[in-house]
Amino acid sequence: MRQVAFQILFAWESNSLTDSVELYQQLQQVNKNMPSEMPAYLKLLIAGVQKNLLEINQVITEFLKQNWSLERLNKADLVIMQIAVFEIKFITETPDKVAVNEALELAKEFSDEKSRRFINGILSNLIVSN
């Protein structure tokens, strides 16, 4: 679910006119195991990140080192963190550690080891500060 959310939000990050339902249908053609209807939790992740993007990005910015900015981050890493921060800050049913672990799994798939450690550091610091 989070992997599909990542793919859709990554496309949206590149082009804010991306239609999530249309993209979901395109992803279904590649992965026949996906449900025919977009699952509710997937819709929640996508809409939640989009709606709360400014607040989510502010949270991420708080934990960046002094000389870093969002613009300097790898887009894949940024989207992974945006999903995790949304889950940590806005979805009480998802334990914080689960959100972090899922983000690290996404980083294994779409990023590298250095990025994974970076993402882990940002999200771990967020959890500690909560």
N, C-alpha and C. Protein backbone atom coordinates (compact mmCIF):
# COMPACT_ATOMS: atom_id res chain seq x y z
N MET A 1 0.82 -1.19 0.00
CA MET A 1 0.00 0.00 0.00
C MET A 1 0.87 1.27 0.00
N ARG A 2 1.85 1.28 0.90
CA ARG A 2 2.72 2.46 0.98
C ARG A 2 3.59 2.60 -0.27
N GLN A 3 3.94 1.47 -0.86
CA GLN A 3 4.74 1.51 -2.08
C GLN A 3 3.95 2.18 -3.21
N VAL A 4 2.68 1.86 -3.33
CA VAL A 4 1.84 2.49 -4.35
C VAL A 4 1.65 3.97 -4.00
N ALA A 5 1.43 4.27 -2.72
CA ALA A 5 1.31 5.67 -2.30
C ALA A 5 2.58 6.43 -2.67
N PHE A 6 3.74 5.81 -2.43
CA PHE A 6 5.01 6.44 -2.79
C PHE A 6 5.05 6.73 -4.29
N GLN A 7 4.70 5.75 -5.10
CA GLN A 7 4.78 5.92 -6.56
C GLN A 7 3.86 7.05 -7.03
N ILE A 8 2.66 7.09 -6.48
CA ILE A 8 1.71 8.12 -6.88
C ILE A 8 2.17 9.50 -6.40
N LEU A 9 2.60 9.58 -5.15
CA LEU A 9 3.05 10.87 -4.61
C LEU A 9 4.35 11.34 -5.26
N PHE A 10 5.22 10.41 -5.65
CA PHE A 10 6.44 10.78 -6.35
C PHE A 10 6.09 11.39 -7.71
N ALA A 11 5.14 10.79 -8.40
CA ALA A 11 4.69 11.35 -9.68
C ALA A 11 4.04 12.71 -9.46
N TRP A 12 3.26 12.84 -8.41
CA TRP A 12 2.59 14.10 -8.09
C TRP A 12 3.61 15.18 -7.74
N GLU A 13 4.70 14.78 -7.07
CA GLU A 13 5.77 15.73 -6.72
C GLU A 13 6.39 16.33 -7.99
N SER A 14 6.46 15.52 -9.03
CA SER A 14 7.01 15.99 -10.31
C SER A 14 6.01 16.80 -11.11
N ASN A 15 4.72 16.44 -10.97
CA ASN A 15 3.66 17.11 -11.72
C ASN A 15 2.39 17.12 -10.88
N SER A 16 2.07 18.27 -10.30
CA SER A 16 0.93 18.36 -9.38
C SER A 16 -0.41 18.14 -10.07
N LEU A 17 -0.41 18.05 -11.39
CA LEU A 17 -1.65 17.76 -12.12
C LEU A 17 -1.89 16.26 -12.28
N THR A 18 -0.98 15.45 -11.74
CA THR A 18 -1.13 14.00 -11.81
C THR A 18 -2.42 13.58 -11.14
N ASP A 19 -3.20 12.78 -11.83
CA ASP A 19 -4.46 12.26 -11.29
C ASP A 19 -4.16 10.92 -10.61
N SER A 20 -4.37 10.85 -9.30
CA SER A 20 -4.00 9.65 -8.55
C SER A 20 -4.80 8.43 -8.97
N VAL A 21 -6.06 8.59 -9.29
CA VAL A 21 -6.89 7.45 -9.71
C VAL A 21 -6.40 6.92 -11.06
N GLU A 22 -6.11 7.83 -11.95
CA GLU A 22 -5.60 7.43 -13.27
C GLU A 22 -4.25 6.71 -13.15
N LEU A 23 -3.39 7.23 -12.31
CA LEU A 23 -2.09 6.61 -12.11
C LEU A 23 -2.26 5.24 -11.45
N TYR A 24 -3.18 5.13 -10.50
CA TYR A 24 -3.45 3.84 -9.85
C TYR A 24 -3.87 2.82 -10.91
N GLN A 25 -4.71 3.22 -11.83
CA GLN A 25 -5.17 2.32 -12.90
C GLN A 25 -3.99 1.89 -13.78
N GLN A 26 -3.07 2.80 -14.04
CA GLN A 26 -1.89 2.45 -14.82
C GLN A 26 -1.01 1.45 -14.07
N LEU A 27 -0.88 1.65 -12.76
CA LEU A 27 -0.09 0.73 -11.94
C LEU A 27 -0.74 -0.65 -11.89
N GLN A 28 -2.06 -0.69 -11.94
CA GLN A 28 -2.79 -1.97 -11.94
C GLN A 28 -2.43 -2.79 -13.17
N GLN A 29 -2.20 -2.14 -14.27
CA GLN A 29 -1.86 -2.85 -15.50
C GLN A 29 -0.52 -3.57 -15.37
N VAL A 30 0.36 -3.00 -14.55
CA VAL A 30 1.67 -3.62 -14.32
C VAL A 30 1.57 -4.70 -13.24
N ASN A 31 0.81 -4.42 -12.19
CA ASN A 31 0.65 -5.35 -11.07
C ASN A 31 -0.79 -5.81 -11.00
N LYS A 32 -1.05 -6.97 -11.52
CA LYS A 32 -2.42 -7.50 -11.59
C LYS A 32 -2.97 -7.90 -10.22
N ASN A 33 -2.12 -7.96 -9.20
CA ASN A 33 -2.58 -8.33 -7.85
C ASN A 33 -3.22 -7.17 -7.09
N MET A 34 -3.13 -5.98 -7.65
CA MET A 34 -3.71 -4.81 -6.97
C MET A 34 -5.23 -4.88 -7.05
N PRO A 35 -5.91 -4.45 -5.96
CA PRO A 35 -7.37 -4.44 -5.98
C PRO A 35 -7.90 -3.54 -7.10
N SER A 36 -9.08 -3.86 -7.62
CA SER A 36 -9.64 -3.07 -8.71
C SER A 36 -9.99 -1.65 -8.26
N GLU A 37 -10.44 -1.54 -7.04
CA GLU A 37 -10.74 -0.22 -6.46
C GLU A 37 -9.56 0.22 -5.60
N MET A 38 -9.27 1.51 -5.61
CA MET A 38 -8.20 2.03 -4.77
C MET A 38 -8.60 1.86 -3.31
N PRO A 39 -7.79 1.15 -2.51
CA PRO A 39 -8.11 0.94 -1.09
C PRO A 39 -8.23 2.26 -0.32
N ALA A 40 -9.08 2.26 0.70
CA ALA A 40 -9.34 3.46 1.49
C ALA A 40 -8.07 4.00 2.14
N TYR A 41 -7.21 3.11 2.66
CA TYR A 41 -6.01 3.59 3.33
C TYR A 41 -5.05 4.25 2.34
N LEU A 42 -5.01 3.73 1.13
CA LEU A 42 -4.18 4.34 0.09
C LEU A 42 -4.69 5.73 -0.24
N LYS A 43 -5.99 5.86 -0.38
CA LYS A 43 -6.59 7.18 -0.62
C LYS A 43 -6.26 8.13 0.52
N LEU A 44 -6.34 7.62 1.75
CA LEU A 44 -6.04 8.45 2.93
C LEU A 44 -4.60 8.93 2.90
N LEU A 45 -3.67 8.04 2.59
CA LEU A 45 -2.26 8.43 2.54
C LEU A 45 -2.02 9.51 1.49
N ILE A 46 -2.54 9.29 0.31
CA ILE A 46 -2.30 10.23 -0.79
C ILE A 46 -2.94 11.58 -0.49
N ALA A 47 -4.22 11.56 -0.17
CA ALA A 47 -4.94 12.82 0.10
C ALA A 47 -4.38 13.51 1.33
N GLY A 48 -4.01 12.73 2.34
CA GLY A 48 -3.49 13.30 3.58
C GLY A 48 -2.16 14.01 3.38
N VAL A 49 -1.27 13.39 2.63
CA VAL A 49 0.03 14.03 2.36
C VAL A 49 -0.19 15.28 1.52
N GLN A 50 -1.03 15.18 0.51
CA GLN A 50 -1.27 16.34 -0.36
C GLN A 50 -1.88 17.49 0.43
N LYS A 51 -2.87 17.20 1.24
CA LYS A 51 -3.59 18.24 1.99
C LYS A 51 -2.71 18.89 3.06
N ASN A 52 -1.86 18.11 3.69
CA ASN A 52 -1.06 18.59 4.82
C ASN A 52 0.40 18.80 4.46
N LEU A 53 0.69 18.95 3.18
CA LEU A 53 2.08 18.99 2.72
C LEU A 53 2.89 20.10 3.38
N LEU A 54 2.34 21.28 3.51
CA LEU A 54 3.11 22.38 4.12
C LEU A 54 3.51 22.05 5.56
N GLU A 55 2.56 21.55 6.33
CA GLU A 55 2.86 21.20 7.73
C GLU A 55 3.86 20.04 7.79
N ILE A 56 3.67 19.04 6.94
CA ILE A 56 4.58 17.89 6.90
C ILE A 56 5.99 18.35 6.56
N ASN A 57 6.12 19.20 5.55
CA ASN A 57 7.44 19.69 5.16
C ASN A 57 8.07 20.55 6.25
N GLN A 58 7.26 21.28 6.99
CA GLN A 58 7.78 22.06 8.13
C GLN A 58 8.38 21.14 9.18
N VAL A 59 7.69 20.05 9.46
CA VAL A 59 8.19 19.08 10.44
C VAL A 59 9.52 18.51 9.98
N ILE A 60 9.61 18.12 8.72
CA ILE A 60 10.86 17.57 8.19
C ILE A 60 11.97 18.61 8.29
N THR A 61 11.66 19.85 7.92
CA THR A 61 12.65 20.93 7.95
C THR A 61 13.21 21.15 9.36
N GLU A 62 12.37 21.00 10.37
CA GLU A 62 12.81 21.17 11.76
C GLU A 62 13.95 20.23 12.13
N PHE A 63 13.98 19.07 11.50
CA PHE A 63 14.97 18.05 11.87
C PHE A 63 16.16 17.97 10.90
N LEU A 64 16.19 18.85 9.92
CA LEU A 64 17.33 18.89 9.01
C LEU A 64 18.48 19.66 9.65
N LYS A 65 19.68 19.30 9.28
CA LYS A 65 20.83 20.05 9.77
C LYS A 65 20.77 21.46 9.22
N GLN A 66 21.51 22.36 9.85
CA GLN A 66 21.44 23.78 9.58
C GLN A 66 21.59 24.16 8.11
N ASN A 67 22.51 23.54 7.40
CA ASN A 67 22.77 23.92 6.01
C ASN A 67 21.92 23.17 5.00
N TRP A 68 20.95 22.39 5.47
CA TRP A 68 20.11 21.59 4.58
C TRP A 68 18.75 22.24 4.39
N SER A 69 18.16 21.97 3.23
CA SER A 69 16.80 22.43 2.95
C SER A 69 16.07 21.31 2.21
N LEU A 70 14.75 21.43 2.13
CA LEU A 70 13.97 20.42 1.42
C LEU A 70 14.41 20.31 -0.04
N GLU A 71 14.73 21.43 -0.64
CA GLU A 71 15.12 21.45 -2.05
C GLU A 71 16.39 20.63 -2.30
N ARG A 72 17.19 20.51 -1.29
CA ARG A 72 18.47 19.81 -1.41
C ARG A 72 18.31 18.29 -1.28
N LEU A 73 17.17 17.86 -0.76
CA LEU A 73 16.94 16.43 -0.53
C LEU A 73 16.63 15.70 -1.83
N ASN A 74 17.02 14.46 -1.87
CA ASN A 74 16.63 13.56 -2.94
C ASN A 74 15.10 13.44 -2.91
N LYS A 75 14.44 13.58 -4.06
CA LYS A 75 12.96 13.59 -4.10
C LYS A 75 12.37 12.29 -3.58
N ALA A 76 13.01 11.17 -3.86
CA ALA A 76 12.50 9.89 -3.35
C ALA A 76 12.53 9.89 -1.83
N ASP A 77 13.64 10.34 -1.25
CA ASP A 77 13.76 10.39 0.21
C ASP A 77 12.71 11.33 0.82
N LEU A 78 12.51 12.45 0.17
CA LEU A 78 11.53 13.42 0.66
C LEU A 78 10.12 12.82 0.67
N VAL A 79 9.74 12.17 -0.40
CA VAL A 79 8.39 11.58 -0.47
C VAL A 79 8.24 10.47 0.57
N ILE A 80 9.27 9.67 0.75
CA ILE A 80 9.22 8.61 1.77
C ILE A 80 8.99 9.23 3.14
N MET A 81 9.72 10.29 3.45
CA MET A 81 9.57 10.95 4.75
C MET A 81 8.21 11.62 4.88
N GLN A 82 7.71 12.19 3.80
CA GLN A 82 6.39 12.83 3.86
C GLN A 82 5.30 11.82 4.23
N ILE A 83 5.36 10.65 3.64
CA ILE A 83 4.37 9.61 3.97
C ILE A 83 4.50 9.23 5.44
N ALA A 84 5.72 8.99 5.89
CA ALA A 84 5.93 8.58 7.29
C ALA A 84 5.51 9.68 8.27
N VAL A 85 5.87 10.92 7.99
CA VAL A 85 5.49 12.02 8.88
C VAL A 85 3.97 12.15 8.92
N PHE A 86 3.31 11.99 7.79
CA PHE A 86 1.85 12.03 7.79
C PHE A 86 1.29 10.96 8.71
N GLU A 87 1.81 9.75 8.60
CA GLU A 87 1.31 8.66 9.46
C GLU A 87 1.60 8.94 10.93
N ILE A 88 2.78 9.44 11.23
CA ILE A 88 3.16 9.70 12.62
C ILE A 88 2.31 10.83 13.21
N LYS A 89 2.12 11.90 12.45
CA LYS A 89 1.44 13.08 12.98
C LYS A 89 -0.09 13.02 12.89
N PHE A 90 -0.63 12.31 11.89
CA PHE A 90 -2.06 12.42 11.63
C PHE A 90 -2.85 11.11 11.76
N ILE A 91 -2.18 9.97 11.81
CA ILE A 91 -2.90 8.70 11.89
C ILE A 91 -2.54 8.03 13.21
N THR A 92 -3.39 8.18 14.18
CA THR A 92 -3.09 7.66 15.51
C THR A 92 -3.12 6.13 15.56
N GLU A 93 -3.84 5.50 14.65
CA GLU A 93 -3.93 4.04 14.65
C GLU A 93 -2.62 3.36 14.24
N THR A 94 -1.79 4.08 13.50
CA THR A 94 -0.52 3.51 13.06
C THR A 94 0.56 3.84 14.09
N PRO A 95 1.13 2.81 14.73
CA PRO A 95 2.21 3.08 15.68
C PRO A 95 3.38 3.78 14.99
N ASP A 96 4.00 4.71 15.69
CA ASP A 96 5.11 5.48 15.12
C ASP A 96 6.21 4.57 14.58
N LYS A 97 6.55 3.53 15.35
CA LYS A 97 7.64 2.63 14.92
C LYS A 97 7.28 1.89 13.64
N VAL A 98 6.00 1.58 13.45
CA VAL A 98 5.57 0.93 12.21
C VAL A 98 5.76 1.89 11.04
N ALA A 99 5.39 3.15 11.22
CA ALA A 99 5.56 4.15 10.16
C ALA A 99 7.04 4.28 9.79
N VAL A 100 7.91 4.29 10.79
CA VAL A 100 9.36 4.40 10.53
C VAL A 100 9.86 3.15 9.80
N ASN A 101 9.48 1.98 10.29
CA ASN A 101 9.93 0.73 9.66
C ASN A 101 9.45 0.63 8.21
N GLU A 102 8.22 1.05 7.96
CA GLU A 102 7.70 1.02 6.59
C GLU A 102 8.46 2.01 5.70
N ALA A 103 8.80 3.16 6.26
CA ALA A 103 9.59 4.14 5.50
C ALA A 103 10.96 3.56 5.16
N LEU A 104 11.56 2.85 6.09
CA LEU A 104 12.87 2.24 5.84
C LEU A 104 12.78 1.14 4.78
N GLU A 105 11.67 0.42 4.76
CA GLU A 105 11.45 -0.58 3.71
C GLU A 105 11.34 0.09 2.34
N LEU A 106 10.63 1.22 2.29
CA LEU A 106 10.54 1.96 1.03
C LEU A 106 11.93 2.45 0.60
N ALA A 107 12.71 2.90 1.57
CA ALA A 107 14.05 3.39 1.26
C ALA A 107 14.93 2.26 0.72
N LYS A 108 14.76 1.04 1.23
CA LYS A 108 15.50 -0.10 0.70
C LYS A 108 15.20 -0.30 -0.78
N GLU A 109 13.94 -0.10 -1.13
CA GLU A 109 13.50 -0.34 -2.50
C GLU A 109 13.83 0.83 -3.45
N PHE A 110 13.69 2.06 -2.96
CA PHE A 110 13.77 3.22 -3.86
C PHE A 110 14.95 4.14 -3.60
N SER A 111 15.82 3.78 -2.66
CA SER A 111 16.92 4.66 -2.33
C SER A 111 18.16 3.81 -2.03
N ASP A 112 19.11 4.38 -1.32
CA ASP A 112 20.31 3.63 -0.97
C ASP A 112 20.52 3.61 0.54
N GLU A 113 21.57 2.93 0.96
CA GLU A 113 21.84 2.75 2.39
C GLU A 113 22.07 4.08 3.10
N LYS A 114 22.79 4.97 2.47
CA LYS A 114 23.06 6.28 3.07
C LYS A 114 21.74 7.03 3.30
N SER A 115 20.88 7.01 2.31
CA SER A 115 19.57 7.67 2.45
C SER A 115 18.73 7.00 3.53
N ARG A 116 18.82 5.70 3.59
CA ARG A 116 18.05 4.97 4.61
C ARG A 116 18.46 5.40 6.02
N ARG A 117 19.75 5.54 6.24
CA ARG A 117 20.22 6.01 7.56
C ARG A 117 19.76 7.44 7.82
N PHE A 118 19.81 8.28 6.79
CA PHE A 118 19.36 9.66 6.92
C PHE A 118 17.87 9.71 7.28
N ILE A 119 17.05 8.97 6.56
CA ILE A 119 15.60 8.92 6.81
C ILE A 119 15.34 8.40 8.23
N ASN A 120 16.07 7.37 8.62
CA ASN A 120 15.91 6.81 9.97
C ASN A 120 16.24 7.86 11.02
N GLY A 121 17.29 8.62 10.81
CA GLY A 121 17.67 9.65 11.77
C GLY A 121 16.61 10.73 11.91
N ILE A 122 16.11 11.23 10.79
CA ILE A 122 15.08 12.27 10.83
C ILE A 122 13.83 11.77 11.54
N LEU A 123 13.35 10.59 11.13
CA LEU A 123 12.10 10.07 11.69
C LEU A 123 12.25 9.66 13.15
N SER A 124 13.41 9.11 13.50
CA SER A 124 13.65 8.74 14.92
C SER A 124 13.67 9.98 15.80
N ASN A 125 14.29 11.05 15.33
CA ASN A 125 14.30 12.29 16.09
C ASN A 125 12.89 12.86 16.24
N LEU A 126 12.08 12.73 15.20
CA LEU A 126 10.68 13.18 15.27
C LEU A 126 9.93 12.41 16.34
N ILE A 127 10.08 11.10 16.37
CA ILE A 127 9.37 10.27 17.35
C ILE A 127 9.79 10.64 18.76
N VAL A 128 11.08 10.82 18.97
CA VAL A 128 11.59 11.17 20.30
C VAL A 128 11.02 12.51 20.75
N SER A 129 10.85 13.44 19.83
CA SER A 129 10.38 14.78 20.18
C SER A 129 8.86 14.83 20.42
N ASN A 130 8.14 13.81 19.97
CA ASN A 130 6.68 13.79 20.13
C ASN A 130 6.26 13.63 21.56
